[in-house]
All heavy atoms as atom14 arrays in JSON, in Angstrom:
{
  "sequence": "PELARRARARWPGIAVLYTSGYTQNAIVHGGRLDAGVELPK",
  "atom14_mask": [
    [1, 1, 1, 1, 1, 1, 1, 0, 0, 0, 0, 0, 0, 0],
    [1, 1, 1, 1, 1, 1, 1, 1, 1, 0, 0, 0, 0, 0],
    [1, 1, 1, 1, 1, 1, 1, 1, 0, 0, 0, 0, 0, 0],
    [1, 1, 1, 1, 1, 0, 0, 0, 0, 0, 0, 0, 0, 0],
    [1, 1, 1, 1, 1, 1, 1, 1, 1, 1, 1, 0, 0, 0],
    [1, 1, 1, 1, 1, 1, 1, 1, 1, 1, 1, 0, 0, 0],
    [1, 1, 1, 1, 1, 0, 0, 0, 0, 0, 0, 0, 0, 0],
    [1, 1, 1, 1, 1, 1, 1, 1, 1, 1, 1, 0, 0, 0],
    [1, 1, 1, 1, 1, 0, 0, 0, 0, 0, 0, 0, 0, 0],
    [1, 1, 1, 1, 1, 1, 1, 1, 1, 1, 1, 0, 0, 0],
    [1, 1, 1, 1, 1, 1, 1, 1, 1, 1, 1, 1, 1, 1],
    [1, 1, 1, 1, 1, 1, 1, 0, 0, 0, 0, 0, 0, 0],
    [1, 1, 1, 1, 0, 0, 0, 0, 0, 0, 0, 0, 0, 0],
    [1, 1, 1, 1, 1, 1, 1, 1, 0, 0, 0, 0, 0, 0],
    [1, 1, 1, 1, 1, 0, 0, 0, 0, 0, 0, 0, 0, 0],
    [1, 1, 1, 1, 1, 1, 1, 0, 0, 0, 0, 0, 0, 0],
    [1, 1, 1, 1, 1, 1, 1, 1, 0, 0, 0, 0, 0, 0],
    [1, 1, 1, 1, 1, 1, 1, 1, 1, 1, 1, 1, 0, 0],
    [1, 1, 1, 1, 1, 1, 1, 0, 0, 0, 0, 0, 0, 0],
    [1, 1, 1, 1, 1, 1, 0, 0, 0, 0, 0, 0, 0, 0],
    [1, 1, 1, 1, 0, 0, 0, 0, 0, 0, 0, 0, 0, 0],
    [1, 1, 1, 1, 1, 1, 1, 1, 1, 1, 1, 1, 0, 0],
    [1, 1, 1, 1, 1, 1, 1, 0, 0, 0, 0, 0, 0, 0],
    [1, 1, 1, 1, 1, 1, 1, 1, 1, 0, 0, 0, 0, 0],
    [1, 1, 1, 1, 1, 1, 1, 1, 0, 0, 0, 0, 0, 0],
    [1, 1, 1, 1, 1, 0, 0, 0, 0, 0, 0, 0, 0, 0],
    [1, 1, 1, 1, 1, 1, 1, 1, 0, 0, 0, 0, 0, 0],
    [1, 1, 1, 1, 1, 1, 1, 0, 0, 0, 0, 0, 0, 0],
    [1, 1, 1, 1, 1, 1, 1, 1, 1, 1, 0, 0, 0, 0],
    [1, 1, 1, 1, 0, 0, 0, 0, 0, 0, 0, 0, 0, 0],
    [1, 1, 1, 1, 0, 0, 0, 0, 0, 0, 0, 0, 0, 0],
    [1, 1, 1, 1, 1, 1, 1, 1, 1, 1, 1, 0, 0, 0],
    [1, 1, 1, 1, 1, 1, 1, 1, 0, 0, 0, 0, 0, 0],
    [1, 1, 1, 1, 1, 1, 1, 1, 0, 0, 0, 0, 0, 0],
    [1, 1, 1, 1, 1, 0, 0, 0, 0, 0, 0, 0, 0, 0],
    [1, 1, 1, 1, 0, 0, 0, 0, 0, 0, 0, 0, 0, 0],
    [1, 1, 1, 1, 1, 1, 1, 0, 0, 0, 0, 0, 0, 0],
    [1, 1, 1, 1, 1, 1, 1, 1, 1, 0, 0, 0, 0, 0],
    [1, 1, 1, 1, 1, 1, 1, 1, 0, 0, 0, 0, 0, 0],
    [1, 1, 1, 1, 1, 1, 1, 0, 0, 0, 0, 0, 0, 0],
    [1, 1, 1, 1, 1, 1, 1, 1, 1, 0, 0, 0, 0, 0]
  ],
  "atom14_positions": [
    [[62.79, -19.51, -30.02], [61.71, -20.15, -30.79], [60.31, -19.65, -30.42], [59.44, -19.46, -31.29], [61.88, -21.65, -30.47], [63.32, -21.79, -30.1], [63.66, -20.52, -29.37], [0.0, 0.0, 0.0], [0.0, 0.0, 0.0], [0.0, 0.0, 0.0], [0.0, 0.0, 0.0], [0.0, 0.0, 0.0], [0.0, 0.0, 0.0], [0.0, 0.0, 0.0]],
    [[60.08, -19.42, -29.12], [58.79, -18.89, -28.7], [58.64, -17.45, -29.18], [57.52, -17.04, -29.58], [58.69, -18.94, -27.18], [57.38, -18.37, -26.63], [56.15, -19.02, -27.18], [56.19, -20.24, -27.47], [55.15, -18.35, -27.33], [0.0, 0.0, 0.0], [0.0, 0.0, 0.0], [0.0, 0.0, 0.0], [0.0, 0.0, 0.0], [0.0, 0.0, 0.0]],
    [[59.71, -16.67, -29.16], [59.63, -15.31, -29.72], [59.28, -15.33, -31.19], [58.48, -14.5, -31.63], [61.01, -14.63, -29.52], [61.13, -13.22, -30.13], [60.19, -12.24, -29.39], [62.57, -12.73, -30.06], [0.0, 0.0, 0.0], [0.0, 0.0, 0.0], [0.0, 0.0, 0.0], [0.0, 0.0, 0.0], [0.0, 0.0, 0.0], [0.0, 0.0, 0.0]],
    [[59.85, -16.28, -31.93], [59.51, -16.39, -33.36], [58.04, -16.74, -33.56], [57.36, -16.16, -34.45], [60.4, -17.43, -34.01], [0.0, 0.0, 0.0], [0.0, 0.0, 0.0], [0.0, 0.0, 0.0], [0.0, 0.0, 0.0], [0.0, 0.0, 0.0], [0.0, 0.0, 0.0], [0.0, 0.0, 0.0], [0.0, 0.0, 0.0], [0.0, 0.0, 0.0]],
    [[57.51, -17.65, -32.74], [56.08, -17.97, -32.85], [55.19, -16.81, -32.52], [54.17, -16.57, -33.17], [55.79, -19.19, -31.92], [56.31, -20.52, -32.42], [55.79, -21.67, -31.57], [56.41, -21.73, -30.28], [57.53, -22.4, -30.01], [58.19, -23.03, -30.99], [58.02, -22.43, -28.78], [0.0, 0.0, 0.0], [0.0, 0.0, 0.0], [0.0, 0.0, 0.0]],
    [[55.63, -16.05, -31.53], [54.87, -14.85, -31.18], [54.87, -13.82, -32.31], [53.89, -13.15, -32.59], [55.5, -14.27, -29.89], [54.64, -13.28, -29.14], [55.22, -13.14, -27.76], [54.56, -12.15, -26.96], [54.74, -11.98, -25.65], [55.56, -12.79, -25.02], [54.14, -11.03, -25.0], [0.0, 0.0, 0.0], [0.0, 0.0, 0.0], [0.0, 0.0, 0.0]],
    [[56.06, -13.66, -32.95], [56.18, -12.7, -34.05], [55.29, -13.13, -35.23], [54.64, -12.3, -35.88], [57.63, -12.57, -34.47], [0.0, 0.0, 0.0], [0.0, 0.0, 0.0], [0.0, 0.0, 0.0], [0.0, 0.0, 0.0], [0.0, 0.0, 0.0], [0.0, 0.0, 0.0], [0.0, 0.0, 0.0], [0.0, 0.0, 0.0], [0.0, 0.0, 0.0]],
    [[55.3, -14.43, -35.54], [54.5, -14.92, -36.65], [52.99, -14.8, -36.39], [52.2, -14.55, -37.32], [54.87, -16.37, -36.97], [56.25, -16.56, -37.54], [56.45, -17.99, -38.0], [57.77, -18.16, -38.64], [58.8, -18.82, -38.1], [58.67, -19.39, -36.9], [59.93, -18.89, -38.77], [0.0, 0.0, 0.0], [0.0, 0.0, 0.0], [0.0, 0.0, 0.0]],
    [[52.61, -14.91, -35.12], [51.23, -14.73, -34.8], [50.79, -13.29, -34.96], [49.67, -13.0, -35.38], [50.98, -15.19, -33.33], [0.0, 0.0, 0.0], [0.0, 0.0, 0.0], [0.0, 0.0, 0.0], [0.0, 0.0, 0.0], [0.0, 0.0, 0.0], [0.0, 0.0, 0.0], [0.0, 0.0, 0.0], [0.0, 0.0, 0.0], [0.0, 0.0, 0.0]],
    [[51.71, -12.38, -34.66], [51.39, -10.93, -34.77], [51.5, -10.47, -36.22], [50.69, -9.67, -36.7], [52.34, -10.13, -33.89], [52.07, -8.6, -33.91], [50.71, -8.3, -33.34], [50.39, -6.9, -33.39], [49.91, -6.25, -34.47], [49.71, -6.94, -35.6], [49.67, -4.96, -34.41], [0.0, 0.0, 0.0], [0.0, 0.0, 0.0], [0.0, 0.0, 0.0]],
    [[52.51, -10.95, -36.92], [52.76, -10.59, -38.34], [52.86, -11.83, -39.2], [53.96, -12.31, -39.41], [54.05, -9.74, -38.46], [54.03, -8.45, -37.68], [54.75, -8.12, -36.59], [53.23, -7.31, -37.99], [54.48, -6.87, -36.17], [53.55, -6.32, -37.01], [52.31, -6.98, -38.98], [52.95, -5.07, -37.0], [51.7, -5.72, -38.96], [52.02, -4.76, -38.0]],
    [[51.78, -12.4, -39.64], [51.83, -13.57, -40.51], [52.71, -13.29, -41.73], [52.57, -12.26, -42.37], [50.38, -13.8, -40.87], [49.63, -13.21, -39.77], [50.39, -11.99, -39.35], [0.0, 0.0, 0.0], [0.0, 0.0, 0.0], [0.0, 0.0, 0.0], [0.0, 0.0, 0.0], [0.0, 0.0, 0.0], [0.0, 0.0, 0.0], [0.0, 0.0, 0.0]],
    [[53.62, -14.2, -42.03], [54.49, -13.99, -43.17], [55.81, -13.34, -42.84], [56.66, -13.15, -43.73], [0.0, 0.0, 0.0], [0.0, 0.0, 0.0], [0.0, 0.0, 0.0], [0.0, 0.0, 0.0], [0.0, 0.0, 0.0], [0.0, 0.0, 0.0], [0.0, 0.0, 0.0], [0.0, 0.0, 0.0], [0.0, 0.0, 0.0], [0.0, 0.0, 0.0]],
    [[56.02, -12.96, -41.57], [57.27, -12.36, -41.17], [58.42, -13.35, -41.4], [58.28, -14.56, -41.15], [57.26, -11.9, -39.69], [58.52, -11.09, -39.34], [57.1, -13.06, -38.75], [58.49, -10.49, -37.95], [0.0, 0.0, 0.0], [0.0, 0.0, 0.0], [0.0, 0.0, 0.0], [0.0, 0.0, 0.0], [0.0, 0.0, 0.0], [0.0, 0.0, 0.0]],
    [[59.53, -12.87, -41.88], [60.72, -13.76, -42.03], [61.47, -13.88, -40.72], [61.5, -12.9, -39.94], [61.63, -13.19, -43.11], [0.0, 0.0, 0.0], [0.0, 0.0, 0.0], [0.0, 0.0, 0.0], [0.0, 0.0, 0.0], [0.0, 0.0, 0.0], [0.0, 0.0, 0.0], [0.0, 0.0, 0.0], [0.0, 0.0, 0.0], [0.0, 0.0, 0.0]],
    [[62.03, -15.04, -40.46], [62.79, -15.25, -39.22], [64.16, -15.83, -39.6], [64.26, -16.79, -40.35], [62.07, -16.23, -38.29], [62.93, -16.5, -37.05], [60.72, -15.69, -37.88], [0.0, 0.0, 0.0], [0.0, 0.0, 0.0], [0.0, 0.0, 0.0], [0.0, 0.0, 0.0], [0.0, 0.0, 0.0], [0.0, 0.0, 0.0], [0.0, 0.0, 0.0]],
    [[65.21, -15.23, -39.09], [66.57, -15.67, -39.33], [67.27, -15.83, -37.98], [67.36, -14.88, -37.23], [67.32, -14.63, -40.19], [68.8, -14.94, -40.49], [68.93, -16.27, -41.27], [69.42, -13.8, -41.31], [0.0, 0.0, 0.0], [0.0, 0.0, 0.0], [0.0, 0.0, 0.0], [0.0, 0.0, 0.0], [0.0, 0.0, 0.0], [0.0, 0.0, 0.0]],
    [[67.68, -17.05, -37.72], [68.4, -17.35, -36.45], [69.9, -17.24, -36.66], [70.44, -17.46, -37.75], [68.09, -18.75, -35.96], [66.68, -19.0, -35.52], [65.76, -19.68, -36.34], [66.21, -18.55, -34.32], [64.47, -19.91, -35.95], [64.92, -18.8, -33.87], [64.04, -19.48, -34.73], [62.75, -19.71, -34.31], [0.0, 0.0, 0.0], [0.0, 0.0, 0.0]],
    [[70.63, -16.93, -35.56], [72.06, -16.97, -35.61], [72.57, -17.5, -34.27], [71.88, -17.39, -33.23], [72.68, -15.56, -35.86], [74.1, -15.69, -35.95], [72.34, -14.61, -34.74], [0.0, 0.0, 0.0], [0.0, 0.0, 0.0], [0.0, 0.0, 0.0], [0.0, 0.0, 0.0], [0.0, 0.0, 0.0], [0.0, 0.0, 0.0], [0.0, 0.0, 0.0]],
    [[73.73, -18.15, -34.27], [74.27, -18.7, -33.05], [75.75, -19.04, -33.21], [76.18, -19.33, -34.29], [73.49, -19.94, -32.59], [74.07, -20.47, -31.39], [0.0, 0.0, 0.0], [0.0, 0.0, 0.0], [0.0, 0.0, 0.0], [0.0, 0.0, 0.0], [0.0, 0.0, 0.0], [0.0, 0.0, 0.0], [0.0, 0.0, 0.0], [0.0, 0.0, 0.0]],
    [[76.47, -18.93, -32.09], [77.86, -19.4, -32.08], [77.99, -20.87, -31.78], [79.07, -21.43, -31.93], [0.0, 0.0, 0.0], [0.0, 0.0, 0.0], [0.0, 0.0, 0.0], [0.0, 0.0, 0.0], [0.0, 0.0, 0.0], [0.0, 0.0, 0.0], [0.0, 0.0, 0.0], [0.0, 0.0, 0.0], [0.0, 0.0, 0.0], [0.0, 0.0, 0.0]],
    [[76.88, -21.5, -31.35], [76.94, -22.94, -31.07], [76.61, -23.71, -32.37], [76.02, -23.17, -33.31], [75.87, -23.3, -30.02], [76.08, -22.66, -28.69], [75.29, -21.64, -28.25], [77.18, -23.05, -27.9], [75.53, -21.04, -27.0], [77.42, -22.47, -26.67], [76.58, -21.48, -26.24], [76.79, -20.88, -25.03], [0.0, 0.0, 0.0], [0.0, 0.0, 0.0]],
    [[76.99, -24.97, -32.4], [76.7, -25.79, -33.55], [75.23, -26.12, -33.63], [74.53, -26.16, -32.61], [77.51, -27.11, -33.51], [77.07, -27.87, -32.39], [78.98, -26.83, -33.43], [0.0, 0.0, 0.0], [0.0, 0.0, 0.0], [0.0, 0.0, 0.0], [0.0, 0.0, 0.0], [0.0, 0.0, 0.0], [0.0, 0.0, 0.0], [0.0, 0.0, 0.0]],
    [[74.76, -26.38, -34.83], [73.33, -26.66, -35.02], [72.88, -27.9, -34.25], [71.84, -27.91, -33.61], [73.04, -26.84, -36.51], [71.59, -27.16, -36.8], [71.3, -27.21, -38.29], [72.12, -26.75, -39.08], [70.14, -27.75, -38.65], [0.0, 0.0, 0.0], [0.0, 0.0, 0.0], [0.0, 0.0, 0.0], [0.0, 0.0, 0.0], [0.0, 0.0, 0.0]],
    [[73.68, -28.98, -34.29], [73.31, -30.2, -33.61], [73.17, -30.0, -32.1], [72.25, -30.52, -31.48], [74.36, -31.3, -33.87], [74.26, -31.85, -35.26], [73.22, -31.71, -35.91], [75.34, -32.42, -35.74], [0.0, 0.0, 0.0], [0.0, 0.0, 0.0], [0.0, 0.0, 0.0], [0.0, 0.0, 0.0], [0.0, 0.0, 0.0], [0.0, 0.0, 0.0]],
    [[74.04, -29.19, -31.53], [73.96, -28.98, -30.06], [72.72, -28.26, -29.68], [72.06, -28.58, -28.68], [75.2, -28.18, -29.62], [0.0, 0.0, 0.0], [0.0, 0.0, 0.0], [0.0, 0.0, 0.0], [0.0, 0.0, 0.0], [0.0, 0.0, 0.0], [0.0, 0.0, 0.0], [0.0, 0.0, 0.0], [0.0, 0.0, 0.0], [0.0, 0.0, 0.0]],
    [[72.31, -27.29, -30.51], [71.11, -26.52, -30.16], [69.86, -27.36, -30.36], [68.93, -27.34, -29.58], [71.07, -25.25, -31.01], [72.24, -24.36, -30.63], [69.78, -24.52, -30.8], [72.41, -23.17, -31.49], [0.0, 0.0, 0.0], [0.0, 0.0, 0.0], [0.0, 0.0, 0.0], [0.0, 0.0, 0.0], [0.0, 0.0, 0.0], [0.0, 0.0, 0.0]],
    [[69.84, -28.15, -31.42], [68.68, -29.02, -31.67], [68.56, -30.05, -30.59], [67.47, -30.31, -30.03], [68.78, -29.72, -33.06], [67.71, -30.76, -33.2], [68.67, -28.68, -34.17], [0.0, 0.0, 0.0], [0.0, 0.0, 0.0], [0.0, 0.0, 0.0], [0.0, 0.0, 0.0], [0.0, 0.0, 0.0], [0.0, 0.0, 0.0], [0.0, 0.0, 0.0]],
    [[69.69, -30.66, -30.2], [69.67, -31.68, -29.14], [69.3, -31.1, -27.81], [68.76, -31.75, -26.92], [71.02, -32.36, -29.06], [71.32, -33.21, -30.28], [72.59, -33.63, -30.57], [70.51, -33.66, -31.27], [72.54, -34.35, -31.71], [71.31, -34.38, -32.15], [0.0, 0.0, 0.0], [0.0, 0.0, 0.0], [0.0, 0.0, 0.0], [0.0, 0.0, 0.0]],
    [[69.62, -29.8, -27.62], [69.27, -29.14, -26.37], [67.81, -28.7, -26.33], [67.34, -28.15, -25.34], [0.0, 0.0, 0.0], [0.0, 0.0, 0.0], [0.0, 0.0, 0.0], [0.0, 0.0, 0.0], [0.0, 0.0, 0.0], [0.0, 0.0, 0.0], [0.0, 0.0, 0.0], [0.0, 0.0, 0.0], [0.0, 0.0, 0.0], [0.0, 0.0, 0.0]],
    [[67.08, -28.92, -27.42], [65.66, -28.6, -27.45], [65.36, -27.13, -27.61], [64.26, -26.68, -27.27], [0.0, 0.0, 0.0], [0.0, 0.0, 0.0], [0.0, 0.0, 0.0], [0.0, 0.0, 0.0], [0.0, 0.0, 0.0], [0.0, 0.0, 0.0], [0.0, 0.0, 0.0], [0.0, 0.0, 0.0], [0.0, 0.0, 0.0], [0.0, 0.0, 0.0]],
    [[66.31, -26.34, -28.1], [66.12, -24.9, -28.15], [65.65, -24.43, -29.54], [65.18, -23.32, -29.66], [67.43, -24.2, -27.78], [67.78, -24.38, -26.31], [69.16, -23.8, -26.02], [69.44, -23.93, -24.59], [69.21, -23.0, -23.7], [68.68, -21.85, -24.04], [69.53, -23.18, -22.44], [0.0, 0.0, 0.0], [0.0, 0.0, 0.0], [0.0, 0.0, 0.0]],
    [[65.81, -25.23, -30.54], [65.47, -24.77, -31.89], [65.03, -25.95, -32.73], [65.66, -27.0, -32.76], [66.72, -24.1, -32.53], [66.52, -23.42, -33.87], [65.53, -22.25, -33.69], [67.82, -22.92, -34.4], [0.0, 0.0, 0.0], [0.0, 0.0, 0.0], [0.0, 0.0, 0.0], [0.0, 0.0, 0.0], [0.0, 0.0, 0.0], [0.0, 0.0, 0.0]],
    [[63.9, -25.8, -33.42], [63.36, -26.87, -34.18], [63.95, -26.93, -35.59], [64.24, -27.98, -36.14], [61.83, -26.76, -34.28], [61.18, -26.92, -32.96], [61.72, -27.66, -32.11], [60.08, -26.32, -32.74], [0.0, 0.0, 0.0], [0.0, 0.0, 0.0], [0.0, 0.0, 0.0], [0.0, 0.0, 0.0], [0.0, 0.0, 0.0], [0.0, 0.0, 0.0]],
    [[64.11, -25.76, -36.22], [64.48, -25.73, -37.6], [65.95, -25.54, -37.88], [66.37, -25.52, -39.01], [63.67, -24.61, -38.33], [0.0, 0.0, 0.0], [0.0, 0.0, 0.0], [0.0, 0.0, 0.0], [0.0, 0.0, 0.0], [0.0, 0.0, 0.0], [0.0, 0.0, 0.0], [0.0, 0.0, 0.0], [0.0, 0.0, 0.0], [0.0, 0.0, 0.0]],
    [[66.74, -25.35, -36.82], [68.17, -25.2, -37.05], [68.59, -23.75, -37.14], [67.77, -22.83, -37.17], [0.0, 0.0, 0.0], [0.0, 0.0, 0.0], [0.0, 0.0, 0.0], [0.0, 0.0, 0.0], [0.0, 0.0, 0.0], [0.0, 0.0, 0.0], [0.0, 0.0, 0.0], [0.0, 0.0, 0.0], [0.0, 0.0, 0.0], [0.0, 0.0, 0.0]],
    [[69.88, -23.54, -37.18], [70.42, -22.2, -37.26], [70.72, -21.83, -38.71], [71.3, -22.61, -39.45], [71.75, -22.12, -36.45], [72.39, -20.74, -36.58], [71.46, -22.45, -35.0], [0.0, 0.0, 0.0], [0.0, 0.0, 0.0], [0.0, 0.0, 0.0], [0.0, 0.0, 0.0], [0.0, 0.0, 0.0], [0.0, 0.0, 0.0], [0.0, 0.0, 0.0]],
    [[70.26, -20.68, -39.09], [70.41, -20.26, -40.5], [71.72, -19.54, -40.8], [72.27, -19.66, -41.89], [69.24, -19.31, -40.87], [67.89, -19.94, -40.8], [67.6, -20.9, -41.93], [68.42, -20.96, -42.86], [66.62, -21.65, -41.85], [0.0, 0.0, 0.0], [0.0, 0.0, 0.0], [0.0, 0.0, 0.0], [0.0, 0.0, 0.0], [0.0, 0.0, 0.0]],
    [[72.29, -18.83, -39.8], [73.51, -18.06, -40.02], [74.43, -18.25, -38.81], [74.22, -17.62, -37.79], [73.19, -16.58, -40.2], [74.4, -15.68, -40.55], [75.07, -16.13, -41.85], [73.94, -14.21, -40.63], [0.0, 0.0, 0.0], [0.0, 0.0, 0.0], [0.0, 0.0, 0.0], [0.0, 0.0, 0.0], [0.0, 0.0, 0.0], [0.0, 0.0, 0.0]],
    [[75.43, -19.1, -38.93], [76.34, -19.34, -37.8], [77.28, -18.19, -37.55], [77.65, -17.48, -38.5], [77.06, -20.63, -38.22], [77.06, -20.61, -39.72], [75.75, -19.96, -40.08], [0.0, 0.0, 0.0], [0.0, 0.0, 0.0], [0.0, 0.0, 0.0], [0.0, 0.0, 0.0], [0.0, 0.0, 0.0], [0.0, 0.0, 0.0], [0.0, 0.0, 0.0]],
    [[77.66, -17.98, -36.31], [78.68, -17.01, -35.96], [80.06, -17.68, -35.96], [80.14, -18.86, -35.62], [78.42, -16.42, -34.57], [77.13, -15.65, -34.41], [77.0, -15.18, -32.98], [75.69, -14.44, -32.72], [75.59, -14.05, -31.32], [0.0, 0.0, 0.0], [0.0, 0.0, 0.0], [0.0, 0.0, 0.0], [0.0, 0.0, 0.0], [0.0, 0.0, 0.0]]
  ]
}
């Protein structure tokens, strides 16, 4: 998430696509991602 914020600061309008083998709820509850996973593994 911090990497994404850094990328958006450098390139406003950059698209961000997350992927993960973990479930969305687990990652959100772990405080690692605000917007959820876009493409699950």
